[in-house]
């Protein structure tokens, strides 16, 4: 049985206004959906929008560097899956 995941909700300073992204011209009913957590979006934002190094971003998210790296890698994998395979992206508050 895996350990329960620690919620980083208190460390997230960003909440997107848009919660879905999808390929243009394809109805949602025909799309598979990839779910990204707020933690994954925040990790991605800190690294690529704020240009923070992993250690600084981990501190800002109040987590260890290795945990931050796992969250960021998970975001990369999900975003790549959605882009390459034409899936919608849904941002969820709790995952």
Protein backbone atom coordinates (compact mmCIF):
# COMPACT_ATOMS: atom_id res chain seq x y z
CA UNK A 1 0.00 0.00 0.00
CA UNK A 2 1.54 3.34 -1.06
CA UNK A 3 2.08 6.18 1.37
CA UNK A 4 -0.61 8.88 1.30
CA UNK A 5 0.45 11.90 -0.72
CA UNK A 6 1.14 15.16 1.08
CA UNK A 7 -0.96 18.02 -0.30
CA UNK A 8 1.12 21.04 -1.31
CA UNK A 9 -2.02 23.19 -1.64
CA UNK A 10 -0.85 25.78 0.89
CA UNK A 11 2.36 26.31 -1.08
CA UNK A 12 0.60 27.01 -4.39
CA UNK A 13 0.37 30.70 -5.13
CA UNK A 14 -1.16 30.37 -8.60
CA UNK A 15 -4.64 29.30 -9.58
CA UNK A 16 -5.40 29.32 -13.30
CA UNK A 17 -8.59 30.92 -14.62
CA UNK A 18 -8.86 28.33 -17.39
CA UNK A 19 -9.16 24.70 -16.33
CA UNK A 20 -9.39 22.95 -19.74
CA UNK A 21 -7.25 22.98 -22.87
CA UNK A 22 -8.14 20.93 -25.91
CA UNK A 23 -7.18 20.46 -29.54
CA UNK A 24 -8.99 22.88 -31.83
CA UNK A 25 -11.83 21.51 -33.91
CA UNK A 26 -12.36 18.29 -31.96
CA UNK A 27 -15.45 18.01 -29.74
CA UNK A 28 -14.71 17.15 -26.10
CA UNK A 29 -16.82 13.99 -26.36
CA UNK A 30 -14.25 12.59 -28.81
CA UNK A 31 -11.21 13.36 -26.65
CA UNK A 32 -9.43 11.54 -23.89
CA UNK A 33 -8.53 13.80 -20.97
CA UNK A 34 -5.20 14.09 -19.15
CA UNK A 35 -5.54 15.48 -15.62
CA UNK A 36 -2.87 17.81 -14.24
CA UNK A 37 -2.90 18.70 -10.56
CA UNK A 38 -2.39 22.25 -9.31
CA UNK A 39 0.93 21.06 -7.86
CA UNK A 40 2.07 19.95 -11.32
CA UNK A 41 0.99 23.23 -12.92
CA UNK A 42 2.72 25.24 -10.19
CA UNK A 43 5.95 23.26 -10.57
CA UNK A 44 5.83 23.75 -14.34
CA UNK A 45 5.05 27.48 -13.97
CA UNK A 46 7.88 28.11 -11.51
CA UNK A 47 10.41 26.35 -13.72
CA UNK A 48 9.38 27.65 -17.13
CA UNK A 49 7.52 30.93 -16.58
CA UNK A 50 9.40 32.22 -13.53
CA UNK A 51 12.70 30.64 -14.74
CA UNK A 52 13.49 29.32 -11.26
CA UNK A 53 16.09 26.65 -10.65
CA UNK A 54 14.73 23.42 -9.18
CA UNK A 55 16.08 24.01 -5.68
CA UNK A 56 14.57 27.51 -5.45
CA UNK A 57 11.26 26.31 -6.88
CA UNK A 58 11.19 23.41 -4.40
CA UNK A 59 11.73 25.84 -1.53
CA UNK A 60 8.97 28.08 -2.83
CA UNK A 61 6.63 25.06 -2.96
CA UNK A 62 7.76 24.03 0.53
CA UNK A 63 8.95 20.60 -0.56
CA UNK A 64 12.19 18.73 -1.11
CA UNK A 65 14.08 19.03 -4.37
CA UNK A 66 13.51 15.36 -5.17
CA UNK A 67 9.75 15.68 -4.60
CA UNK A 68 9.66 18.83 -6.72
CA UNK A 69 11.53 17.00 -9.47
CA UNK A 70 9.03 14.10 -9.38
CA UNK A 71 6.10 16.55 -9.61
CA UNK A 72 7.73 18.40 -12.51
CA UNK A 73 8.56 15.16 -14.37
CA UNK A 74 4.95 14.03 -13.93
CA UNK A 75 3.75 17.32 -15.44
CA UNK A 76 6.17 16.94 -18.39
CA UNK A 77 4.94 13.43 -19.10
CA UNK A 78 1.25 14.39 -18.98
CA UNK A 79 1.69 17.51 -21.12
CA UNK A 80 3.71 15.56 -23.70
CA UNK A 81 1.05 12.82 -23.77
CA UNK A 82 -1.68 15.39 -24.41
CA UNK A 83 0.26 17.22 -27.14
CA UNK A 84 1.56 14.15 -28.97
CA UNK A 85 -1.63 12.10 -28.72
CA UNK A 86 -4.18 14.90 -29.19
CA UNK A 87 -5.76 14.73 -25.74
CA UNK A 88 -7.45 17.44 -23.70
CA UNK A 89 -5.79 18.74 -20.52
CA UNK A 90 -7.89 19.28 -17.41
CA UNK A 91 -6.44 21.06 -14.38
CA UNK A 92 -7.81 19.57 -11.17
CA UNK A 93 -7.62 21.10 -7.72
CA UNK A 94 -6.96 17.83 -5.88
CA UNK A 95 -5.43 14.72 -7.38
